Amino acid sequence: MVAGGFAATVMLVMGAASEAAAAASYPLAPGVSVNVRSGPGTHYSVVRTLPVGSSVPIYCQCPGETVSGYYGTTNIWDNIANGQFISDAYVKTGSDGYVAGRCA
């Protein structure tokens, strides 16, 4: 019974940590408004535009069309909401690689 209680506590703490990680917010490049697209490329439709000074959560990332932007050239696209992607070239993540899990 104690072992089960411990396992449940560990899972609860791990779940809270995962939710906190998903809630991390990353700022967009300074002075830039960014088009949010329905998929990982510029040929996908624009869903909305994020205003200058916005920050976004990154729930997962996937490869897509290569884009050159404020933070360099990359093919990484950030999923910021259900069916909403922005190029990682415009997001200050502090990394040239993946900072979140791959989108399924």
Protein backbone atom coordinates (compact mmCIF):
# COMPACT_ATOMS: atom_id res chain seq x y z
CA MET A 1 0.00 0.00 0.00
CA VAL A 2 2.84 2.41 0.82
CA ALA A 3 4.59 1.65 -2.48
CA GLY A 4 1.35 2.34 -4.38
CA GLY A 5 0.91 5.61 -2.54
CA PHE A 6 4.47 6.62 -3.37
CA ALA A 7 4.01 5.75 -7.05
CA ALA A 8 0.80 7.77 -7.20
CA THR A 9 2.56 10.74 -5.58
CA VAL A 10 5.47 10.49 -8.05
CA MET A 11 3.04 10.39 -10.99
CA LEU A 12 1.15 13.38 -9.62
CA VAL A 13 4.37 15.39 -9.24
CA MET A 14 5.60 14.34 -12.70
CA GLY A 15 2.25 15.34 -14.22
CA ALA A 16 2.44 18.76 -12.58
CA ALA A 17 5.99 19.20 -13.86
CA SER A 18 4.89 18.31 -17.40
CA GLU A 19 2.06 20.84 -17.28
CA ALA A 20 4.45 23.52 -16.01
CA ALA A 21 6.90 22.76 -18.84
CA ALA A 22 4.12 23.01 -21.43
CA ALA A 23 3.07 26.34 -19.97
CA ALA A 24 6.53 27.88 -20.53
CA SER A 25 6.23 31.00 -22.65
CA TYR A 26 8.75 32.12 -25.26
CA PRO A 27 8.96 35.68 -26.64
CA LEU A 28 8.71 36.48 -30.33
CA ALA A 29 11.49 38.38 -32.07
CA PRO A 30 11.49 42.07 -31.13
CA GLY A 31 9.53 44.35 -33.45
CA VAL A 32 7.99 41.46 -35.37
CA SER A 33 4.38 40.38 -35.81
CA VAL A 34 4.14 36.71 -36.81
CA ASN A 35 1.60 34.87 -38.95
CA VAL A 36 0.20 31.77 -37.27
CA ARG A 37 -0.44 29.01 -39.80
CA SER A 38 -2.59 25.89 -39.86
CA GLY A 39 0.45 23.69 -40.54
CA PRO A 40 4.28 23.75 -40.61
CA GLY A 41 4.88 25.82 -43.73
CA THR A 42 4.10 29.12 -45.44
CA HIS A 43 1.77 27.37 -47.91
CA TYR A 44 -0.65 26.63 -45.04
CA SER A 45 -3.39 29.16 -44.41
CA VAL A 46 -2.92 32.03 -41.96
CA VAL A 47 -5.08 31.41 -38.87
CA ARG A 48 -4.24 34.68 -37.11
CA THR A 49 -1.37 37.13 -36.64
CA LEU A 50 0.46 37.57 -33.34
CA PRO A 51 1.18 41.22 -32.51
CA VAL A 52 4.59 42.68 -31.74
CA GLY A 53 5.64 41.86 -28.18
CA SER A 54 3.79 38.54 -27.98
CA SER A 55 4.99 35.44 -26.17
CA VAL A 56 3.85 31.91 -26.99
CA PRO A 57 3.76 28.48 -25.37
CA ILE A 58 5.37 25.64 -27.32
CA TYR A 59 3.44 22.40 -26.89
CA CYS A 60 5.43 20.40 -29.45
CA GLN A 61 7.65 20.97 -32.48
CA CYS A 62 7.94 19.38 -35.91
CA PRO A 63 10.00 19.68 -39.08
CA GLY A 64 8.46 21.60 -41.96
CA GLU A 65 9.33 24.22 -44.55
CA THR A 66 12.69 25.93 -44.03
CA VAL A 67 12.28 29.60 -43.09
CA SER A 68 14.82 32.38 -42.54
CA GLY A 69 13.89 34.83 -39.80
CA TYR A 70 15.17 36.98 -36.97
CA TYR A 71 16.81 34.04 -35.15
CA GLY A 72 18.33 32.37 -38.22
CA THR A 73 17.25 29.71 -40.71
CA THR A 74 15.40 26.62 -39.55
CA ASN A 75 12.90 23.98 -40.58
CA ILE A 76 11.52 23.68 -37.02
CA TRP A 77 7.89 24.75 -36.52
CA ASP A 78 6.37 25.36 -33.09
CA ASN A 79 2.85 24.17 -32.25
CA ILE A 80 1.41 26.97 -30.10
CA ALA A 81 -2.22 25.77 -29.99
CA ASN A 82 -4.37 23.12 -31.63
CA GLY A 83 -3.78 23.44 -35.38
CA GLN A 84 -1.60 26.56 -34.98
CA PHE A 85 2.09 26.71 -35.98
CA ILE A 86 4.77 29.39 -36.22
CA SER A 87 8.31 29.13 -37.51
CA ASP A 88 10.90 28.73 -34.77
CA ALA A 89 12.97 31.31 -36.68
CA TYR A 90 10.88 34.00 -34.97
CA VAL A 91 10.80 32.56 -31.43
CA LYS A 92 13.49 33.18 -28.80
CA THR A 93 13.96 29.68 -27.35
CA GLY A 94 17.65 29.98 -26.54
CA SER A 95 18.40 26.97 -28.74
CA ASP A 96 19.00 26.16 -32.40
CA GLY A 97 17.31 22.79 -31.87
CA TYR A 98 14.19 21.31 -30.39
CA VAL A 99 13.09 22.58 -26.95
CA ALA A 100 9.87 20.53 -26.82
CA GLY A 101 8.82 17.05 -27.85
CA ARG A 102 8.02 16.18 -31.45
CA CYS A 103 4.40 16.61 -32.53
CA ALA A 104 2.61 13.34 -33.16
